[in-house]
Full PDB file with SEQRES, HELIX, SHEET, SSBOND, CRYST1, ORIGX, SCALE, CONECT and MASTER records, all heavy atoms in Angstrom:
SEQRES   1 A   32  SER GLY LYS ALA ALA GLY PHE GLY LEU THR GLN GLU GLY          
SEQRES   2 A   32  ASN GLY GLY GLY ASN GLU ALA GLY ASP ASN PHE GLY THR          
SEQRES   3 A   32  ALA LEU ALA VAL GLY ASN                                      
CRYST1    1.000    1.000    1.000  90.00  90.00  90.00 P 1           1          
ORIGX1      1.000000  0.000000  0.000000        0.00000                         
ORIGX2      0.000000  1.000000  0.000000        0.00000                         
ORIGX3      0.000000  0.000000  1.000000        0.00000                         
SCALE1      1.000000  0.000000  0.000000        0.00000                         
SCALE2      0.000000  1.000000  0.000000        0.00000                         
SCALE3      0.000000  0.000000  1.000000        0.00000                         
ATOM      1  N   SER A   1       8.808  18.207 -12.019  1.00  0.00           N  
ATOM      2  CA  SER A   1      10.135  18.047 -11.429  1.00  0.00           C  
ATOM      3  C   SER A   1      10.470  16.580 -11.172  1.00  0.00           C  
ATOM      4  O   SER A   1      11.566  16.265 -10.718  1.00  0.00           O  
ATOM      5  CB  SER A   1      10.216  18.820 -10.113  1.00  0.00           C  
ATOM      6  OG  SER A   1       9.249  18.328  -9.186  1.00  0.00           O  
ATOM      7  N   GLY A   2       9.520  15.698 -11.431  1.00  0.00           N  
ATOM      8  CA  GLY A   2       9.743  14.277 -11.230  1.00  0.00           C  
ATOM      9  C   GLY A   2       8.856  13.667 -10.172  1.00  0.00           C  
ATOM     10  O   GLY A   2       8.286  12.600 -10.360  1.00  0.00           O  
ATOM     11  N   LYS A   3       8.723  14.343  -9.034  1.00  0.00           N  
ATOM     12  CA  LYS A   3       7.917  13.783  -7.959  1.00  0.00           C  
ATOM     13  C   LYS A   3       7.315  14.901  -7.130  1.00  0.00           C  
ATOM     14  O   LYS A   3       7.851  16.005  -7.038  1.00  0.00           O  
ATOM     15  CB  LYS A   3       8.760  12.868  -7.068  1.00  0.00           C  
ATOM     16  CG  LYS A   3       9.922  13.589  -6.355  1.00  0.00           C  
ATOM     17  CD  LYS A   3      10.775  12.639  -5.534  1.00  0.00           C  
ATOM     18  CE  LYS A   3      11.931  13.396  -4.850  1.00  0.00           C  
ATOM     19  NZ  LYS A   3      12.821  12.511  -4.090  1.00  0.00           N  
ATOM     20  N   ALA A   4       6.153  14.588  -6.529  1.00  0.00           N  
ATOM     21  CA  ALA A   4       5.498  15.485  -5.580  1.00  0.00           C  
ATOM     22  C   ALA A   4       5.360  14.748  -4.257  1.00  0.00           C  
ATOM     23  O   ALA A   4       5.634  13.550  -4.167  1.00  0.00           O  
ATOM     24  CB  ALA A   4       4.134  15.914  -6.117  1.00  0.00           C  
ATOM     25  N   ALA A   5       4.950  15.465  -3.219  1.00  0.00           N  
ATOM     26  CA  ALA A   5       4.779  14.847  -1.904  1.00  0.00           C  
ATOM     27  C   ALA A   5       3.735  13.743  -1.977  1.00  0.00           C  
ATOM     28  O   ALA A   5       2.648  13.925  -2.542  1.00  0.00           O  
ATOM     29  CB  ALA A   5       4.374  15.904  -0.880  1.00  0.00           C  
ATOM     30  N   GLY A   6       4.061  12.593  -1.423  1.00  0.00           N  
ATOM     31  CA  GLY A   6       3.185  11.437  -1.521  1.00  0.00           C  
ATOM     32  C   GLY A   6       2.574  11.019  -0.198  1.00  0.00           C  
ATOM     33  O   GLY A   6       2.594  11.757   0.795  1.00  0.00           O  
ATOM     34  N   PHE A   7       2.048   9.804  -0.179  1.00  0.00           N  
ATOM     35  CA  PHE A   7       1.393   9.281   1.021  1.00  0.00           C  
ATOM     36  C   PHE A   7       1.555   7.768   1.051  1.00  0.00           C  
ATOM     37  O   PHE A   7       1.814   7.127   0.024  1.00  0.00           O  
ATOM     38  CB  PHE A   7      -0.091   9.659   1.046  1.00  0.00           C  
ATOM     39  CG  PHE A   7      -0.865   9.253  -0.183  1.00  0.00           C  
ATOM     40  CD1 PHE A   7      -1.502   8.021  -0.260  1.00  0.00           C  
ATOM     41  CD2 PHE A   7      -0.935  10.094  -1.289  1.00  0.00           C  
ATOM     42  CE1 PHE A   7      -2.207   7.637  -1.398  1.00  0.00           C  
ATOM     43  CE2 PHE A   7      -1.640   9.729  -2.433  1.00  0.00           C  
ATOM     44  CZ  PHE A   7      -2.279   8.499  -2.486  1.00  0.00           C  
ATOM     45  N   GLY A   8       1.425   7.214   2.246  1.00  0.00           N  
ATOM     46  CA  GLY A   8       1.553   5.780   2.431  1.00  0.00           C  
ATOM     47  C   GLY A   8       0.240   5.152   2.844  1.00  0.00           C  
ATOM     48  O   GLY A   8      -0.644   5.822   3.390  1.00  0.00           O  
ATOM     49  N   LEU A   9       0.106   3.846   2.597  1.00  0.00           N  
ATOM     50  CA  LEU A   9      -1.093   3.100   2.959  1.00  0.00           C  
ATOM     51  C   LEU A   9      -0.692   1.730   3.489  1.00  0.00           C  
ATOM     52  O   LEU A   9       0.282   1.128   3.023  1.00  0.00           O  
ATOM     53  CB  LEU A   9      -2.007   2.912   1.745  1.00  0.00           C  
ATOM     54  CG  LEU A   9      -2.648   4.170   1.138  1.00  0.00           C  
ATOM     55  CD1 LEU A   9      -3.246   3.828  -0.224  1.00  0.00           C  
ATOM     56  CD2 LEU A   9      -3.697   4.741   2.069  1.00  0.00           C  
ATOM     57  N   THR A  10      -1.453   1.241   4.449  1.00  0.00           N  
ATOM     58  CA  THR A  10      -1.305  -0.126   4.933  1.00  0.00           C  
ATOM     59  C   THR A  10      -2.686  -0.773   4.937  1.00  0.00           C  
ATOM     60  O   THR A  10      -3.683  -0.167   4.526  1.00  0.00           O  
ATOM     61  CB  THR A  10      -0.715  -0.166   6.353  1.00  0.00           C  
ATOM     62  OG1 THR A  10      -1.691   0.322   7.296  1.00  0.00           O  
ATOM     63  CG2 THR A  10       0.564   0.660   6.452  1.00  0.00           C  
ATOM     64  N   GLN A  11      -2.766  -1.996   5.437  1.00  0.00           N  
ATOM     65  CA  GLN A  11      -4.061  -2.669   5.521  1.00  0.00           C  
ATOM     66  C   GLN A  11      -4.958  -2.029   6.577  1.00  0.00           C  
ATOM     67  O   GLN A  11      -6.183  -2.045   6.453  1.00  0.00           O  
ATOM     68  CB  GLN A  11      -3.865  -4.138   5.861  1.00  0.00           C  
ATOM     69  CG  GLN A  11      -3.098  -4.911   4.797  1.00  0.00           C  
ATOM     70  CD  GLN A  11      -2.747  -6.301   5.263  1.00  0.00           C  
ATOM     71  OE1 GLN A  11      -3.573  -7.203   5.247  1.00  0.00           O  
ATOM     72  NE2 GLN A  11      -1.506  -6.483   5.685  1.00  0.00           N  
ATOM     73  N   GLU A  12      -4.330  -1.474   7.623  1.00  0.00           N  
ATOM     74  CA  GLU A  12      -5.090  -0.865   8.716  1.00  0.00           C  
ATOM     75  C   GLU A  12      -5.905   0.312   8.180  1.00  0.00           C  
ATOM     76  O   GLU A  12      -5.387   1.186   7.494  1.00  0.00           O  
ATOM     77  CB  GLU A  12      -4.130  -0.365   9.800  1.00  0.00           C  
ATOM     78  CG  GLU A  12      -4.790  -0.081  11.139  1.00  0.00           C  
ATOM     79  CD  GLU A  12      -5.211  -1.341  11.853  1.00  0.00           C  
ATOM     80  OE1 GLU A  12      -4.423  -2.313  11.895  1.00  0.00           O  
ATOM     81  OE2 GLU A  12      -6.348  -1.360  12.364  1.00  0.00           O  
ATOM     82  N   GLY A  13      -7.193   0.295   8.472  1.00  0.00           N  
ATOM     83  CA  GLY A  13      -8.074   1.345   7.987  1.00  0.00           C  
ATOM     84  C   GLY A  13      -8.539   1.130   6.563  1.00  0.00           C  
ATOM     85  O   GLY A  13      -9.288   1.946   6.017  1.00  0.00           O  
ATOM     86  N   ASN A  14      -8.103   0.043   5.950  1.00  0.00           N  
ATOM     87  CA  ASN A  14      -8.507  -0.270   4.581  1.00  0.00           C  
ATOM     88  C   ASN A  14      -9.090  -1.679   4.487  1.00  0.00           C  
ATOM     89  O   ASN A  14      -8.860  -2.405   3.519  1.00  0.00           O  
ATOM     90  CB  ASN A  14      -7.307  -0.122   3.641  1.00  0.00           C  
ATOM     91  CG  ASN A  14      -6.922   1.320   3.440  1.00  0.00           C  
ATOM     92  OD1 ASN A  14      -7.684   2.104   2.887  1.00  0.00           O  
ATOM     93  ND2 ASN A  14      -5.731   1.696   3.916  1.00  0.00           N  
ATOM     94  N   GLY A  15      -9.809  -2.044   5.522  1.00  0.00           N  
ATOM     95  CA  GLY A  15     -10.523  -3.317   5.526  1.00  0.00           C  
ATOM     96  C   GLY A  15      -9.743  -4.483   6.057  1.00  0.00           C  
ATOM     97  O   GLY A  15     -10.226  -5.623   6.036  1.00  0.00           O  
ATOM     98  N   GLY A  16      -8.540  -4.261   6.558  1.00  0.00           N  
ATOM     99  CA  GLY A  16      -7.733  -5.356   7.069  1.00  0.00           C  
ATOM    100  C   GLY A  16      -6.894  -4.933   8.253  1.00  0.00           C  
ATOM    101  O   GLY A  16      -6.986  -3.796   8.730  1.00  0.00           O  
ATOM    102  N   GLY A  17      -6.084  -5.836   8.732  1.00  0.00           N  
ATOM    103  CA  GLY A  17      -5.180  -5.548   9.835  1.00  0.00           C  
ATOM    104  C   GLY A  17      -3.755  -5.883   9.452  1.00  0.00           C  
ATOM    105  O   GLY A  17      -3.522  -6.710   8.559  1.00  0.00           O  
ATOM    106  N   ASN A  18      -2.794  -5.255  10.110  1.00  0.00           N  
ATOM    107  CA  ASN A  18      -1.377  -5.483   9.827  1.00  0.00           C  
ATOM    108  C   ASN A  18      -0.845  -6.617  10.691  1.00  0.00           C  
ATOM    109  O   ASN A  18      -0.663  -6.449  11.895  1.00  0.00           O  
ATOM    110  CB  ASN A  18      -0.580  -4.198  10.092  1.00  0.00           C  
ATOM    111  CG  ASN A  18      -1.014  -3.054   9.215  1.00  0.00           C  
ATOM    112  OD1 ASN A  18      -1.319  -3.237   8.050  1.00  0.00           O  
ATOM    113  ND2 ASN A  18      -1.056  -1.845   9.776  1.00  0.00           N  
ATOM    114  N   GLU A  19      -0.627  -7.762  10.071  1.00  0.00           N  
ATOM    115  CA  GLU A  19      -0.091  -8.916  10.804  1.00  0.00           C  
ATOM    116  C   GLU A  19       1.262  -9.320  10.224  1.00  0.00           C  
ATOM    117  O   GLU A  19       1.536  -9.103   9.035  1.00  0.00           O  
ATOM    118  CB  GLU A  19      -1.037 -10.126  10.712  1.00  0.00           C  
ATOM    119  CG  GLU A  19      -2.408  -9.917  11.314  1.00  0.00           C  
ATOM    120  CD  GLU A  19      -3.451  -9.489  10.307  1.00  0.00           C  
ATOM    121  OE1 GLU A  19      -3.187  -9.619   9.091  1.00  0.00           O  
ATOM    122  OE2 GLU A  19      -4.522  -9.003  10.725  1.00  0.00           O  
ATOM    123  N   ALA A  20       2.085  -9.900  11.076  1.00  0.00           N  
ATOM    124  CA  ALA A  20       3.422 -10.328  10.656  1.00  0.00           C  
ATOM    125  C   ALA A  20       3.313 -11.299   9.482  1.00  0.00           C  
ATOM    126  O   ALA A  20       2.492 -12.220   9.498  1.00  0.00           O  
ATOM    127  CB  ALA A  20       4.150 -10.985  11.816  1.00  0.00           C  
ATOM    128  N   GLY A  21       4.127 -11.066   8.467  1.00  0.00           N  
ATOM    129  CA  GLY A  21       4.188 -11.989   7.348  1.00  0.00           C  
ATOM    130  C   GLY A  21       3.137 -11.798   6.284  1.00  0.00           C  
ATOM    131  O   GLY A  21       3.117 -12.556   5.303  1.00  0.00           O  
ATOM    132  N   ASP A  22       2.270 -10.789   6.418  1.00  0.00           N  
ATOM    133  CA  ASP A  22       1.276 -10.555   5.363  1.00  0.00           C  
ATOM    134  C   ASP A  22       1.945 -10.152   4.054  1.00  0.00           C  
ATOM    135  O   ASP A  22       1.502 -10.516   2.970  1.00  0.00           O  
ATOM    136  CB  ASP A  22       0.307  -9.438   5.778  1.00  0.00           C  
ATOM    137  CG  ASP A  22      -0.761  -9.896   6.756  1.00  0.00           C  
ATOM    138  OD1 ASP A  22      -0.895 -11.117   6.961  1.00  0.00           O  
ATOM    139  OD2 ASP A  22      -1.454  -9.022   7.316  1.00  0.00           O  
ATOM    140  N   ASN A  23       3.000  -9.351   4.179  1.00  0.00           N  
ATOM    141  CA  ASN A  23       3.739  -8.854   3.001  1.00  0.00           C  
ATOM    142  C   ASN A  23       2.848  -8.091   2.026  1.00  0.00           C  
ATOM    143  O   ASN A  23       2.907  -8.268   0.805  1.00  0.00           O  
ATOM    144  CB  ASN A  23       4.459  -9.990   2.285  1.00  0.00           C  
ATOM    145  CG  ASN A  23       5.507 -10.657   3.140  1.00  0.00           C  
ATOM    146  OD1 ASN A  23       5.666 -11.867   3.120  1.00  0.00           O  
ATOM    147  ND2 ASN A  23       6.246  -9.886   3.936  1.00  0.00           N  
ATOM    148  N   PHE A  24       2.029  -7.224   2.589  1.00  0.00           N  
ATOM    149  CA  PHE A  24       1.226  -6.290   1.802  1.00  0.00           C  
ATOM    150  C   PHE A  24       2.164  -5.428   0.960  1.00  0.00           C  
ATOM    151  O   PHE A  24       3.092  -4.825   1.472  1.00  0.00           O  
ATOM    152  CB  PHE A  24       0.428  -5.427   2.787  1.00  0.00           C  
ATOM    153  CG  PHE A  24      -0.365  -4.295   2.192  1.00  0.00           C  
ATOM    154  CD1 PHE A  24      -1.602  -4.507   1.619  1.00  0.00           C  
ATOM    155  CD2 PHE A  24       0.114  -2.988   2.249  1.00  0.00           C  
ATOM    156  CE1 PHE A  24      -2.349  -3.450   1.111  1.00  0.00           C  
ATOM    157  CE2 PHE A  24      -0.615  -1.926   1.758  1.00  0.00           C  
ATOM    158  CZ  PHE A  24      -1.846  -2.161   1.170  1.00  0.00           C  
ATOM    159  N   GLY A  25       1.946  -5.412  -0.362  1.00  0.00           N  
ATOM    160  CA  GLY A  25       2.830  -4.669  -1.251  1.00  0.00           C  
ATOM    161  C   GLY A  25       3.848  -5.518  -1.975  1.00  0.00           C  
ATOM    162  O   GLY A  25       4.727  -4.978  -2.658  1.00  0.00           O  
ATOM    163  N   THR A  26       3.724  -6.849  -1.877  1.00  0.00           N  
ATOM    164  CA  THR A  26       4.644  -7.735  -2.594  1.00  0.00           C  
ATOM    165  C   THR A  26       4.522  -7.568  -4.099  1.00  0.00           C  
ATOM    166  O   THR A  26       5.521  -7.645  -4.829  1.00  0.00           O  
ATOM    167  CB  THR A  26       4.371  -9.200  -2.218  1.00  0.00           C  
ATOM    168  OG1 THR A  26       4.735  -9.403  -0.851  1.00  0.00           O  
ATOM    169  CG2 THR A  26       5.136 -10.177  -3.092  1.00  0.00           C  
ATOM    170  N   ALA A  27       3.310  -7.362  -4.578  1.00  0.00           N  
ATOM    171  CA  ALA A  27       3.059  -7.170  -6.009  1.00  0.00           C  
ATOM    172  C   ALA A  27       2.116  -5.994  -6.193  1.00  0.00           C  
ATOM    173  O   ALA A  27       1.245  -5.745  -5.344  1.00  0.00           O  
ATOM    174  CB  ALA A  27       2.451  -8.430  -6.617  1.00  0.00           C  
ATOM    175  N   LEU A  28       2.284  -5.269  -7.293  1.00  0.00           N  
ATOM    176  CA  LEU A  28       1.473  -4.091  -7.599  1.00  0.00           C  
ATOM    177  C   LEU A  28       1.087  -4.115  -9.072  1.00  0.00           C  
ATOM    178  O   LEU A  28       1.862  -4.559  -9.911  1.00  0.00           O  
ATOM    179  CB  LEU A  28       2.255  -2.801  -7.320  1.00  0.00           C  
ATOM    180  CG  LEU A  28       2.805  -2.592  -5.912  1.00  0.00           C  
ATOM    181  CD1 LEU A  28       3.786  -1.422  -5.897  1.00  0.00           C  
ATOM    182  CD2 LEU A  28       1.669  -2.333  -4.927  1.00  0.00           C  
ATOM    183  N   ALA A  29      -0.100  -3.614  -9.375  1.00  0.00           N  
ATOM    184  CA  ALA A  29      -0.522  -3.461 -10.775  1.00  0.00           C  
ATOM    185  C   ALA A  29      -1.526  -2.327 -10.857  1.00  0.00           C  
ATOM    186  O   ALA A  29      -2.326  -2.126  -9.931  1.00  0.00           O  
ATOM    187  CB  ALA A  29      -1.132  -4.749 -11.307  1.00  0.00           C  
ATOM    188  N   VAL A  30      -1.491  -1.588 -11.951  1.00  0.00           N  
ATOM    189  CA  VAL A  30      -2.371  -0.446 -12.157  1.00  0.00           C  
ATOM    190  C   VAL A  30      -3.222  -0.683 -13.394  1.00  0.00           C  
ATOM    191  O   VAL A  30      -2.719  -1.123 -14.428  1.00  0.00           O  
ATOM    192  CB  VAL A  30      -1.544   0.853 -12.317  1.00  0.00           C  
ATOM    193  CG1 VAL A  30      -2.427   2.009 -12.769  1.00  0.00           C  
ATOM    194  CG2 VAL A  30      -0.858   1.208 -11.004  1.00  0.00           C  
ATOM    195  N   GLY A  31      -4.518  -0.415 -13.300  1.00  0.00           N  
ATOM    196  CA  GLY A  31      -5.421  -0.537 -14.441  1.00  0.00           C  
ATOM    197  C   GLY A  31      -6.733   0.143 -14.131  1.00  0.00           C  
ATOM    198  O   GLY A  31      -7.124   0.251 -12.960  1.00  0.00           O  
ATOM    199  N   ASN A  32      -7.438   0.596 -15.148  1.00  0.00           N  
ATOM    200  CA  ASN A  32      -8.713   1.291 -14.932  1.00  0.00           C  
ATOM    201  C   ASN A  32      -9.849   0.273 -14.920  1.00  0.00           C  
ATOM    202  O   ASN A  32     -10.460  -0.020 -15.939  1.00  0.00           O  
ATOM    203  CB  ASN A  32      -8.931   2.346 -16.025  1.00  0.00           C  
ATOM    204  CG  ASN A  32     -10.084   3.274 -15.699  1.00  0.00           C  
ATOM    205  OD1 ASN A  32     -10.765   3.107 -14.692  1.00  0.00           O  
ATOM    206  ND2 ASN A  32     -10.307   4.250 -16.547  1.00  0.00           N  
TER     207      ASN A  32                                                      
MASTER        0    0    0    0    0    0    0    6  206    1    0    3          
END                                                                             
């Protein structure tokens, strides 16, 4: 149908912390 229910991620809980100006998600790339 195009899309299924998704999920979000931040730095918190993934080895980092959420600080002002980090701009996590500015660039993305996919590869195996």
